């Protein structure tokens, strides 16, 4: 019995498993005592695995699409807010209470740079 069931099987193992299934199907008198290991049961398990892989691929594609849509919506929102800030600046100026309401510092609140006096000769 295989161990580490939560971990995915490497592609090499899956390829070898498929080769073994094809070899079992080619055995003319294969008739196991346990019907869980009959050719029909093995083919059914293989079909389940392929269906699950296809379902996973479709779900992954849907997640990637949703993630891209979400990122696009975030950027559109961000750009709209930046443009709205520009509109507040154009309408009220950077020294207004409206500008400060956006969390910005008024232009008049910035400290003036102190000029250094040159050393005398």
Protein backbone atom coordinates (compact mmCIF):
# COMPACT_ATOMS: atom_id res chain seq x y z
CA UNK A 1 0.00 0.00 0.00
CA UNK A 2 1.29 3.46 -0.85
CA UNK A 3 2.33 5.84 1.90
CA UNK A 4 2.05 9.64 2.16
CA UNK A 5 -1.43 9.79 0.69
CA UNK A 6 -1.76 13.59 1.01
CA UNK A 7 1.27 14.12 -1.23
CA UNK A 8 0.92 14.08 -4.98
CA UNK A 9 2.53 11.30 -6.97
CA UNK A 10 5.39 12.30 -9.26
CA UNK A 11 4.62 12.14 -13.01
CA UNK A 12 7.12 9.30 -13.40
CA UNK A 13 5.15 7.14 -10.95
CA UNK A 14 1.87 7.91 -12.73
CA UNK A 15 3.44 7.02 -16.09
CA UNK A 16 4.72 3.74 -14.66
CA UNK A 17 1.28 3.01 -13.18
CA UNK A 18 -0.33 3.54 -16.58
CA UNK A 19 2.24 1.22 -18.16
CA UNK A 20 1.40 -1.42 -15.54
CA UNK A 21 -2.34 -1.03 -16.20
CA UNK A 22 -1.78 -1.53 -19.92
CA UNK A 23 0.37 -4.60 -19.18
CA UNK A 24 -2.34 -6.06 -16.93
CA UNK A 25 -4.94 -5.49 -19.65
CA UNK A 26 -2.72 -7.41 -22.07
CA UNK A 27 -2.61 -10.49 -19.81
CA UNK A 28 -5.20 -12.82 -21.40
CA UNK A 29 -6.27 -14.80 -18.32
CA UNK A 30 -5.97 -12.11 -15.63
CA UNK A 31 -8.67 -12.91 -13.08
CA UNK A 32 -7.76 -11.71 -9.56
CA UNK A 33 -9.42 -13.27 -6.53
CA UNK A 34 -10.28 -9.78 -5.26
CA UNK A 35 -12.67 -8.06 -7.71
CA UNK A 36 -11.35 -4.66 -6.56
CA UNK A 37 -8.29 -5.36 -8.70
CA UNK A 38 -10.03 -6.56 -11.86
CA UNK A 39 -9.29 -4.82 -15.13
CA UNK A 40 -12.71 -3.13 -15.06
CA UNK A 41 -12.13 -1.87 -11.49
CA UNK A 42 -8.64 -0.61 -12.35
CA UNK A 43 -9.93 1.15 -15.46
CA UNK A 44 -12.68 2.75 -13.37
CA UNK A 45 -10.09 4.01 -10.86
CA UNK A 46 -8.01 5.38 -13.74
CA UNK A 47 -11.06 7.15 -15.18
CA UNK A 48 -11.81 8.65 -11.74
CA UNK A 49 -8.23 9.92 -11.50
CA UNK A 50 -8.36 11.51 -14.96
CA UNK A 51 -11.73 13.12 -14.19
CA UNK A 52 -10.38 14.49 -10.89
CA UNK A 53 -7.31 15.91 -12.65
CA UNK A 54 -9.52 17.59 -15.25
CA UNK A 55 -11.76 19.02 -12.53
CA UNK A 56 -8.67 20.31 -10.71
CA UNK A 57 -7.32 21.93 -13.87
CA UNK A 58 -10.66 23.65 -14.51
CA UNK A 59 -10.87 24.85 -10.90
CA UNK A 60 -7.30 26.14 -11.06
CA UNK A 61 -8.08 28.03 -14.27
CA UNK A 62 -11.17 29.53 -12.60
CA UNK A 63 -9.11 30.63 -9.58
CA UNK A 64 -6.46 32.18 -11.80
CA UNK A 65 -9.13 34.01 -13.78
CA UNK A 66 -10.81 35.28 -10.60
CA UNK A 67 -7.43 36.38 -9.22
CA UNK A 68 -6.70 38.32 -12.42
CA UNK A 69 -10.17 39.92 -12.31
CA UNK A 70 -9.62 40.89 -8.68
CA UNK A 71 -6.22 42.44 -9.41
CA UNK A 72 -7.68 44.41 -12.31
CA UNK A 73 -10.52 45.69 -10.10
CA UNK A 74 -8.00 46.73 -7.43
CA UNK A 75 -5.97 48.72 -9.94
CA UNK A 76 -9.07 50.37 -11.39
CA UNK A 77 -10.15 51.35 -7.86
CA UNK A 78 -6.66 52.67 -7.03
CA UNK A 79 -6.46 54.70 -10.24
CA UNK A 80 -9.93 56.15 -9.63
CA UNK A 81 -8.93 57.25 -6.12
CA UNK A 82 -5.71 58.82 -7.36
CA UNK A 83 -7.67 60.72 -9.98
CA UNK A 84 -10.17 61.82 -7.32
CA UNK A 85 -7.24 63.17 -5.26
CA UNK A 86 -6.15 65.14 -8.31
CA UNK A 87 -9.69 66.52 -8.59
CA UNK A 88 -9.66 67.62 -4.93
CA UNK A 89 -6.29 69.31 -5.54
CA UNK A 90 -7.59 71.05 -8.66
CA UNK A 91 -10.83 72.17 -7.01
CA UNK A 92 -9.61 73.13 -3.52
CA UNK A 93 -5.80 73.25 -3.66
CA UNK A 94 -3.15 71.57 -1.55
CA UNK A 95 -3.51 74.09 1.27
CA UNK A 96 -7.19 73.38 1.93
CA UNK A 97 -9.04 71.54 4.67
CA UNK A 98 -10.47 69.23 1.98
CA UNK A 99 -6.94 68.20 1.00
CA UNK A 100 -6.16 67.57 4.67
CA UNK A 101 -9.36 65.49 5.00
CA UNK A 102 -7.80 63.04 2.53
CA UNK A 103 -4.99 62.45 5.03
CA UNK A 104 -2.61 64.75 3.21
CA UNK A 105 -0.45 67.43 4.75
CA UNK A 106 -1.35 71.00 3.88
CA UNK A 107 1.21 72.82 1.81
CA UNK A 108 1.54 75.51 4.46
CA UNK A 109 2.35 72.91 7.14
CA UNK A 110 5.57 71.83 5.51
CA UNK A 111 8.55 73.36 7.24
CA UNK A 112 10.69 75.74 5.26
CA UNK A 113 14.24 74.66 4.64
CA UNK A 114 16.77 76.56 6.60
CA UNK A 115 19.42 78.11 4.42
CA UNK A 116 22.95 77.73 5.64
CA UNK A 117 25.03 80.81 5.85
CA UNK A 118 28.28 80.58 4.05
CA UNK A 119 31.35 80.81 6.20
CA UNK A 120 33.09 84.14 5.96
CA UNK A 121 36.44 84.42 4.26
